Amino acid sequence: MEKLLAILCQINPEIDYWQEKHLIDNRLYDSIQIVYLIEEISSEFEIEIEPQDMLPENFNSLDAIWKLVQKYAEG
């Protein structure tokens, strides 16, 4: 999870990712940042996130993103 947190902090270091649960809903990330996040996750974890999983609920929090990464890493 440290690698994921490092990626998120590159995008916006001012967010408390341990507490924030609404990155997308509260518009803390814009579409460009989300695309960058997906690209970085794909590269760092050597996974390819399918379009059907590119939903706000999968990117609203550190925990949600981590669960998505684990889903693809295991699959």
PDB file of N, CA and C in Angstrom:
ATOM      1  N   MET A   1       0.823  -1.193   0.000  1.00  0.00           N
ATOM      2  CA  MET A   1       0.000   0.000   0.000  1.00  0.00           C
ATOM      3  C   MET A   1       0.870   1.261   0.000  1.00  0.00           C
ATOM      4  N   GLU A   2       2.111   1.132   0.421  1.00  0.00           N
ATOM      5  CA  GLU A   2       3.009   2.284   0.447  1.00  0.00           C
ATOM      6  C   GLU A   2       3.251   2.838  -0.951  1.00  0.00           C
ATOM      7  N   LYS A   3       3.385   1.942  -1.940  1.00  0.00           N
ATOM      8  CA  LYS A   3       3.576   2.389  -3.319  1.00  0.00           C
ATOM      9  C   LYS A   3       2.366   3.170  -3.805  1.00  0.00           C
ATOM     10  N   LEU A   4       1.180   2.676  -3.471  1.00  0.00           N
ATOM     11  CA  LEU A   4      -0.045   3.360  -3.866  1.00  0.00           C
ATOM     12  C   LEU A   4      -0.123   4.727  -3.198  1.00  0.00           C
ATOM     13  N   LEU A   5       0.173   4.793  -1.923  1.00  0.00           N
ATOM     14  CA  LEU A   5       0.137   6.062  -1.209  1.00  0.00           C
ATOM     15  C   LEU A   5       1.139   7.046  -1.814  1.00  0.00           C
ATOM     16  N   ALA A   6       2.287   6.572  -2.219  1.00  0.00           N
ATOM     17  CA  ALA A   6       3.284   7.436  -2.858  1.00  0.00           C
ATOM     18  C   ALA A   6       2.753   8.012  -4.166  1.00  0.00           C
ATOM     19  N   ILE A   7       2.059   7.189  -4.948  1.00  0.00           N
ATOM     20  CA  ILE A   7       1.461   7.661  -6.196  1.00  0.00           C
ATOM     21  C   ILE A   7       0.423   8.742  -5.899  1.00  0.00           C
ATOM     22  N   LEU A   8      -0.443   8.489  -4.928  1.00  0.00           N
ATOM     23  CA  LEU A   8      -1.479   9.456  -4.578  1.00  0.00           C
ATOM     24  C   LEU A   8      -0.866  10.770  -4.095  1.00  0.00           C
ATOM     25  N   CYS A   9       0.194  10.673  -3.321  1.00  0.00           N
ATOM     26  CA  CYS A   9       0.851  11.881  -2.806  1.00  0.00           C
ATOM     27  C   CYS A   9       1.541  12.672  -3.908  1.00  0.00           C
ATOM     28  N   GLN A  10       1.956  12.008  -4.971  1.00  0.00           N
ATOM     29  CA  GLN A  10       2.512  12.717  -6.127  1.00  0.00           C
ATOM     30  C   GLN A  10       1.432  13.568  -6.784  1.00  0.00           C
ATOM     31  N   ILE A  11       0.220  13.059  -6.801  1.00  0.00           N
ATOM     32  CA  ILE A  11      -0.886  13.767  -7.443  1.00  0.00           C
ATOM     33  C   ILE A  11      -1.327  14.956  -6.592  1.00  0.00           C
ATOM     34  N   ASN A  12      -1.512  14.715  -5.287  1.00  0.00           N
ATOM     35  CA  ASN A  12      -1.912  15.797  -4.390  1.00  0.00           C
ATOM     36  C   ASN A  12      -1.422  15.478  -2.980  1.00  0.00           C
ATOM     37  N   PRO A  13      -0.294  16.052  -2.598  1.00  0.00           N
ATOM     38  CA  PRO A  13       0.283  15.744  -1.288  1.00  0.00           C
ATOM     39  C   PRO A  13      -0.472  16.368  -0.108  1.00  0.00           C
ATOM     40  N   GLU A  14      -1.416  17.248  -0.373  1.00  0.00           N
ATOM     41  CA  GLU A  14      -2.120  17.942   0.705  1.00  0.00           C
ATOM     42  C   GLU A  14      -3.309  17.159   1.266  1.00  0.00           C
ATOM     43  N   ILE A  15      -3.676  16.068   0.633  1.00  0.00           N
ATOM     44  CA  ILE A  15      -4.825  15.277   1.073  1.00  0.00           C
ATOM     45  C   ILE A  15      -4.381  14.254   2.118  1.00  0.00           C
ATOM     46  N   ASP A  16      -5.181  14.095   3.160  1.00  0.00           N
ATOM     47  CA  ASP A  16      -4.950  13.044   4.151  1.00  0.00           C
ATOM     48  C   ASP A  16      -5.633  11.778   3.633  1.00  0.00           C
ATOM     49  N   TYR A  17      -4.886  10.955   2.946  1.00  0.00           N
ATOM     50  CA  TYR A  17      -5.460   9.778   2.288  1.00  0.00           C
ATOM     51  C   TYR A  17      -5.939   8.716   3.271  1.00  0.00           C
ATOM     52  N   TRP A  18      -5.456   8.769   4.484  1.00  0.00           N
ATOM     53  CA  TRP A  18      -5.912   7.801   5.494  1.00  0.00           C
ATOM     54  C   TRP A  18      -7.328   8.149   5.959  1.00  0.00           C
ATOM     55  N   GLN A  19      -7.685   9.420   5.896  1.00  0.00           N
ATOM     56  CA  GLN A  19      -8.992   9.867   6.381  1.00  0.00           C
ATOM     57  C   GLN A  19     -10.006  10.123   5.266  1.00  0.00           C
ATOM     58  N   GLU A  20      -9.536  10.601   4.124  1.00  0.00           N
ATOM     59  CA  GLU A  20     -10.448  11.010   3.047  1.00  0.00           C
ATOM     60  C   GLU A  20     -11.134   9.805   2.406  1.00  0.00           C
ATOM     61  N   LYS A  21     -12.442   9.867   2.303  1.00  0.00           N
ATOM     62  CA  LYS A  21     -13.232   8.770   1.739  1.00  0.00           C
ATOM     63  C   LYS A  21     -14.010   9.185   0.490  1.00  0.00           C
ATOM     64  N   HIS A  22     -13.797  10.421   0.022  1.00  0.00           N
ATOM     65  CA  HIS A  22     -14.588  10.931  -1.098  1.00  0.00           C
ATOM     66  C   HIS A  22     -13.730  11.720  -2.090  1.00  0.00           C
ATOM     67  N   LEU A  23     -12.637  11.124  -2.541  1.00  0.00           N
ATOM     68  CA  LEU A  23     -11.745  11.802  -3.474  1.00  0.00           C
ATOM     69  C   LEU A  23     -12.470  12.236  -4.740  1.00  0.00           C
ATOM     70  N   ILE A  24     -13.323  11.385  -5.251  1.00  0.00           N
ATOM     71  CA  ILE A  24     -14.044  11.680  -6.488  1.00  0.00           C
ATOM     72  C   ILE A  24     -15.308  12.473  -6.187  1.00  0.00           C
ATOM     73  N   ASP A  25     -16.092  12.003  -5.228  1.00  0.00           N
ATOM     74  CA  ASP A  25     -17.360  12.658  -4.902  1.00  0.00           C
ATOM     75  C   ASP A  25     -17.176  14.121  -4.494  1.00  0.00           C
ATOM     76  N   ASN A  26     -16.098  14.415  -3.777  1.00  0.00           N
ATOM     77  CA  ASN A  26     -15.830  15.786  -3.345  1.00  0.00           C
ATOM     78  C   ASN A  26     -14.976  16.562  -4.339  1.00  0.00           C
ATOM     79  N   ARG A  27     -14.744  15.952  -5.485  1.00  0.00           N
ATOM     80  CA  ARG A  27     -13.988  16.569  -6.587  1.00  0.00           C
ATOM     81  C   ARG A  27     -12.582  17.028  -6.185  1.00  0.00           C
ATOM     82  N   LEU A  28     -11.961  16.202  -5.346  1.00  0.00           N
ATOM     83  CA  LEU A  28     -10.579  16.474  -4.972  1.00  0.00           C
ATOM     84  C   LEU A  28      -9.633  16.063  -6.098  1.00  0.00           C
ATOM     85  N   TYR A  29     -10.101  15.174  -6.961  1.00  0.00           N
ATOM     86  CA  TYR A  29      -9.371  14.757  -8.156  1.00  0.00           C
ATOM     87  C   TYR A  29     -10.201  15.127  -9.369  1.00  0.00           C
ATOM     88  N   ASP A  30      -9.545  15.677 -10.383  1.00  0.00           N
ATOM     89  CA  ASP A  30     -10.242  15.943 -11.641  1.00  0.00           C
ATOM     90  C   ASP A  30      -9.969  14.796 -12.614  1.00  0.00           C
ATOM     91  N   SER A  31     -10.550  14.866 -13.779  1.00  0.00           N
ATOM     92  CA  SER A  31     -10.446  13.757 -14.734  1.00  0.00           C
ATOM     93  C   SER A  31      -9.003  13.503 -15.178  1.00  0.00           C
ATOM     94  N   ILE A  32      -8.225  14.543 -15.328  1.00  0.00           N
ATOM     95  CA  ILE A  32      -6.815  14.389 -15.726  1.00  0.00           C
ATOM     96  C   ILE A  32      -6.051  13.642 -14.634  1.00  0.00           C
ATOM     97  N   GLN A  33      -6.289  13.994 -13.390  1.00  0.00           N
ATOM     98  CA  GLN A  33      -5.608  13.329 -12.273  1.00  0.00           C
ATOM     99  C   GLN A  33      -6.025  11.867 -12.170  1.00  0.00           C
ATOM    100  N   ILE A  34      -7.263  11.577 -12.464  1.00  0.00           N
ATOM    101  CA  ILE A  34      -7.740  10.190 -12.414  1.00  0.00           C
ATOM    102  C   ILE A  34      -7.070   9.367 -13.507  1.00  0.00           C
ATOM    103  N   VAL A  35      -6.983   9.924 -14.695  1.00  0.00           N
ATOM    104  CA  VAL A  35      -6.306   9.219 -15.789  1.00  0.00           C
ATOM    105  C   VAL A  35      -4.846   8.975 -15.424  1.00  0.00           C
ATOM    106  N   TYR A  36      -4.186   9.976 -14.873  1.00  0.00           N
ATOM    107  CA  TYR A  36      -2.797   9.830 -14.437  1.00  0.00           C
ATOM    108  C   TYR A  36      -2.680   8.742 -13.372  1.00  0.00           C
ATOM    109  N   LEU A  37      -3.596   8.748 -12.407  1.00  0.00           N
ATOM    110  CA  LEU A  37      -3.605   7.745 -11.346  1.00  0.00           C
ATOM    111  C   LEU A  37      -3.724   6.339 -11.928  1.00  0.00           C
ATOM    112  N   ILE A  38      -4.648   6.146 -12.842  1.00  0.00           N
ATOM    113  CA  ILE A  38      -4.842   4.833 -13.459  1.00  0.00           C
ATOM    114  C   ILE A  38      -3.588   4.400 -14.208  1.00  0.00           C
ATOM    115  N   GLU A  39      -2.973   5.320 -14.922  1.00  0.00           N
ATOM    116  CA  GLU A  39      -1.737   4.995 -15.650  1.00  0.00           C
ATOM    117  C   GLU A  39      -0.608   4.607 -14.693  1.00  0.00           C
ATOM    118  N   GLU A  40      -0.462   5.355 -13.617  1.00  0.00           N
ATOM    119  CA  GLU A  40       0.593   5.070 -12.646  1.00  0.00           C
ATOM    120  C   GLU A  40       0.360   3.737 -11.929  1.00  0.00           C
ATOM    121  N   ILE A  41      -0.883   3.475 -11.562  1.00  0.00           N
ATOM    122  CA  ILE A  41      -1.217   2.201 -10.914  1.00  0.00           C
ATOM    123  C   ILE A  41      -0.930   1.050 -11.863  1.00  0.00           C
ATOM    124  N   SER A  42      -1.341   1.202 -13.106  1.00  0.00           N
ATOM    125  CA  SER A  42      -1.120   0.150 -14.103  1.00  0.00           C
ATOM    126  C   SER A  42       0.365  -0.139 -14.277  1.00  0.00           C
ATOM    127  N   SER A  43       1.153   0.898 -14.341  1.00  0.00           N
ATOM    128  CA  SER A  43       2.590   0.742 -14.522  1.00  0.00           C
ATOM    129  C   SER A  43       3.266   0.163 -13.279  1.00  0.00           C
ATOM    130  N   GLU A  44       2.970   0.722 -12.129  1.00  0.00           N
ATOM    131  CA  GLU A  44       3.632   0.315 -10.884  1.00  0.00           C
ATOM    132  C   GLU A  44       3.302  -1.116 -10.481  1.00  0.00           C
ATOM    133  N   PHE A  45       2.035  -1.501 -10.650  1.00  0.00           N
ATOM    134  CA  PHE A  45       1.594  -2.818 -10.195  1.00  0.00           C
ATOM    135  C   PHE A  45       1.465  -3.830 -11.331  1.00  0.00           C
ATOM    136  N   GLU A  46       1.811  -3.400 -12.552  1.00  0.00           N
ATOM    137  CA  GLU A  46       1.763  -4.258 -13.741  1.00  0.00           C
ATOM    138  C   GLU A  46       0.396  -4.915 -13.901  1.00  0.00           C
ATOM    139  N   ILE A  47      -0.632  -4.070 -13.862  1.00  0.00           N
ATOM    140  CA  ILE A  47      -2.016  -4.521 -14.049  1.00  0.00           C
ATOM    141  C   ILE A  47      -2.676  -3.632 -15.091  1.00  0.00           C
ATOM    142  N   GLU A  48      -3.782  -4.087 -15.615  1.00  0.00           N
ATOM    143  CA  GLU A  48      -4.568  -3.285 -16.540  1.00  0.00           C
ATOM    144  C   GLU A  48      -5.997  -3.228 -16.016  1.00  0.00           C
ATOM    145  N   ILE A  49      -6.406  -2.048 -15.605  1.00  0.00           N
ATOM    146  CA  ILE A  49      -7.746  -1.867 -15.055  1.00  0.00           C
ATOM    147  C   ILE A  49      -8.747  -1.800 -16.199  1.00  0.00           C
ATOM    148  N   GLU A  50      -9.739  -2.654 -16.127  1.00  0.00           N
ATOM    149  CA  GLU A  50     -10.762  -2.739 -17.173  1.00  0.00           C
ATOM    150  C   GLU A  50     -11.728  -1.557 -17.066  1.00  0.00           C
ATOM    151  N   PRO A  51     -12.275  -1.111 -18.202  1.00  0.00           N
ATOM    152  CA  PRO A  51     -13.210   0.018 -18.188  1.00  0.00           C
ATOM    153  C   PRO A  51     -14.397  -0.155 -17.234  1.00  0.00           C
ATOM    154  N   GLN A  52     -14.900  -1.366 -17.086  1.00  0.00           N
ATOM    155  CA  GLN A  52     -16.055  -1.578 -16.207  1.00  0.00           C
ATOM    156  C   GLN A  52     -15.723  -1.321 -14.736  1.00  0.00           C
ATOM    157  N   ASP A  53     -14.434  -1.276 -14.389  1.00  0.00           N
ATOM    158  CA  ASP A  53     -14.029  -0.993 -13.014  1.00  0.00           C
ATOM    159  C   ASP A  53     -13.622   0.466 -12.803  1.00  0.00           C
ATOM    160  N   MET A  54     -13.704   1.265 -13.845  1.00  0.00           N
ATOM    161  CA  MET A  54     -13.360   2.679 -13.735  1.00  0.00           C
ATOM    162  C   MET A  54     -14.586   3.458 -13.275  1.00  0.00           C
ATOM    163  N   LEU A  55     -14.985   3.170 -12.040  1.00  0.00           N
ATOM    164  CA  LEU A  55     -16.159   3.774 -11.421  1.00  0.00           C
ATOM    165  C   LEU A  55     -15.722   4.633 -10.244  1.00  0.00           C
ATOM    166  N   PRO A  56     -16.468   5.700  -9.952  1.00  0.00           N
ATOM    167  CA  PRO A  56     -16.085   6.573  -8.838  1.00  0.00           C
ATOM    168  C   PRO A  56     -15.875   5.830  -7.524  1.00  0.00           C
ATOM    169  N   GLU A  57     -16.728   4.865  -7.226  1.00  0.00           N
ATOM    170  CA  GLU A  57     -16.599   4.161  -5.946  1.00  0.00           C
ATOM    171  C   GLU A  57     -15.285   3.387  -5.826  1.00  0.00           C
ATOM    172  N   ASN A  58     -14.654   3.061  -6.943  1.00  0.00           N
ATOM    173  CA  ASN A  58     -13.375   2.353  -6.899  1.00  0.00           C
ATOM    174  C   ASN A  58     -12.182   3.291  -6.701  1.00  0.00           C
ATOM    175  N   PHE A  59     -12.431   4.606  -6.733  1.00  0.00           N
ATOM    176  CA  PHE A  59     -11.353   5.577  -6.632  1.00  0.00           C
ATOM    177  C   PHE A  59     -11.622   6.651  -5.575  1.00  0.00           C
ATOM    178  N   ASN A  60     -12.609   6.439  -4.733  1.00  0.00           N
ATOM    179  CA  ASN A  60     -12.981   7.442  -3.738  1.00  0.00           C
ATOM    180  C   ASN A  60     -12.061   7.488  -2.517  1.00  0.00           C
ATOM    181  N   SER A  61     -11.318   6.424  -2.272  1.00  0.00           N
ATOM    182  CA  SER A  61     -10.476   6.401  -1.071  1.00  0.00           C
ATOM    183  C   SER A  61      -9.261   5.507  -1.298  1.00  0.00           C
ATOM    184  N   LEU A  62      -8.302   5.670  -0.420  1.00  0.00           N
ATOM    185  CA  LEU A  62      -7.111   4.825  -0.451  1.00  0.00           C
ATOM    186  C   LEU A  62      -7.511   3.357  -0.351  1.00  0.00           C
ATOM    187  N   ASP A  63      -8.415   3.038   0.554  1.00  0.00           N
ATOM    188  CA  ASP A  63      -8.854   1.650   0.726  1.00  0.00           C
ATOM    189  C   ASP A  63      -9.532   1.103  -0.525  1.00  0.00           C
ATOM    190  N   ALA A  64     -10.389   1.897  -1.133  1.00  0.00           N
ATOM    191  CA  ALA A  64     -11.102   1.441  -2.332  1.00  0.00           C
ATOM    192  C   ALA A  64     -10.121   1.192  -3.486  1.00  0.00           C
ATOM    193  N   ILE A  65      -9.178   2.083  -3.655  1.00  0.00           N
ATOM    194  CA  ILE A  65      -8.186   1.924  -4.724  1.00  0.00           C
ATOM    195  C   ILE A  65      -7.320   0.703  -4.445  1.00  0.00           C
ATOM    196  N   TRP A  66      -6.929   0.513  -3.187  1.00  0.00           N
ATOM    197  CA  TRP A  66      -6.109  -0.634  -2.817  1.00  0.00           C
ATOM    198  C   TRP A  66      -6.841  -1.941  -3.092  1.00  0.00           C
ATOM    199  N   LYS A  67      -8.127  -1.989  -2.775  1.00  0.00           N
ATOM    200  CA  LYS A  67      -8.924  -3.194  -3.059  1.00  0.00           C
ATOM    201  C   LYS A  67      -8.963  -3.483  -4.551  1.00  0.00           C
ATOM    202  N   LEU A  68      -9.077  -2.435  -5.349  1.00  0.00           N
ATOM    203  CA  LEU A  68      -9.085  -2.610  -6.796  1.00  0.00           C
ATOM    204  C   LEU A  68      -7.737  -3.148  -7.281  1.00  0.00           C
ATOM    205  N   VAL A  69      -6.657  -2.592  -6.771  1.00  0.00           N
ATOM    206  CA  VAL A  69      -5.323  -3.072  -7.129  1.00  0.00           C
ATOM    207  C   VAL A  69      -5.157  -4.543  -6.759  1.00  0.00           C
ATOM    208  N   GLN A  70      -5.572  -4.881  -5.560  1.00  0.00           N
ATOM    209  CA  GLN A  70      -5.456  -6.277  -5.116  1.00  0.00           C
ATOM    210  C   GLN A  70      -6.291  -7.219  -5.983  1.00  0.00           C
ATOM    211  N   LYS A  71      -7.466  -6.789  -6.367  1.00  0.00           N
ATOM    212  CA  LYS A  71      -8.332  -7.598  -7.235  1.00  0.00           C
ATOM    213  C   LYS A  71      -7.596  -7.957  -8.530  1.00  0.00           C
ATOM    214  N   TYR A  72      -6.955  -6.975  -9.127  1.00  0.00           N
ATOM    215  CA  TYR A  72      -6.253  -7.237 -10.386  1.00  0.00           C
ATOM    216  C   TYR A  72      -4.934  -7.970 -10.170  1.00  0.00           C
ATOM    217  N   ALA A  73      -4.270  -7.708  -9.088  1.00  0.00           N
ATOM    218  CA  ALA A  73      -3.004  -8.376  -8.807  1.00  0.00           C
ATOM    219  C   ALA A  73      -3.215  -9.859  -8.562  1.00  0.00           C
ATOM    220  N   GLU A  74      -4.348 -10.212  -7.964  1.00  0.00           N
ATOM    221  CA  GLU A  74      -4.658 -11.612  -7.676  1.00  0.00           C
ATOM    222  C   GLU A  74      -5.204 -12.348  -8.892  1.00  0.00           C
ATOM    223  N   GLY A  75      -5.868 -11.565  -9.763  1.00  0.00           N
ATOM    224  CA  GLY A  75      -6.581 -12.193 -10.885  1.00  0.00           C
ATOM    225  C   GLY A  75      -5.730 -12.473 -12.032  1.00  0.00           C
TER     226      GLY A  75
END
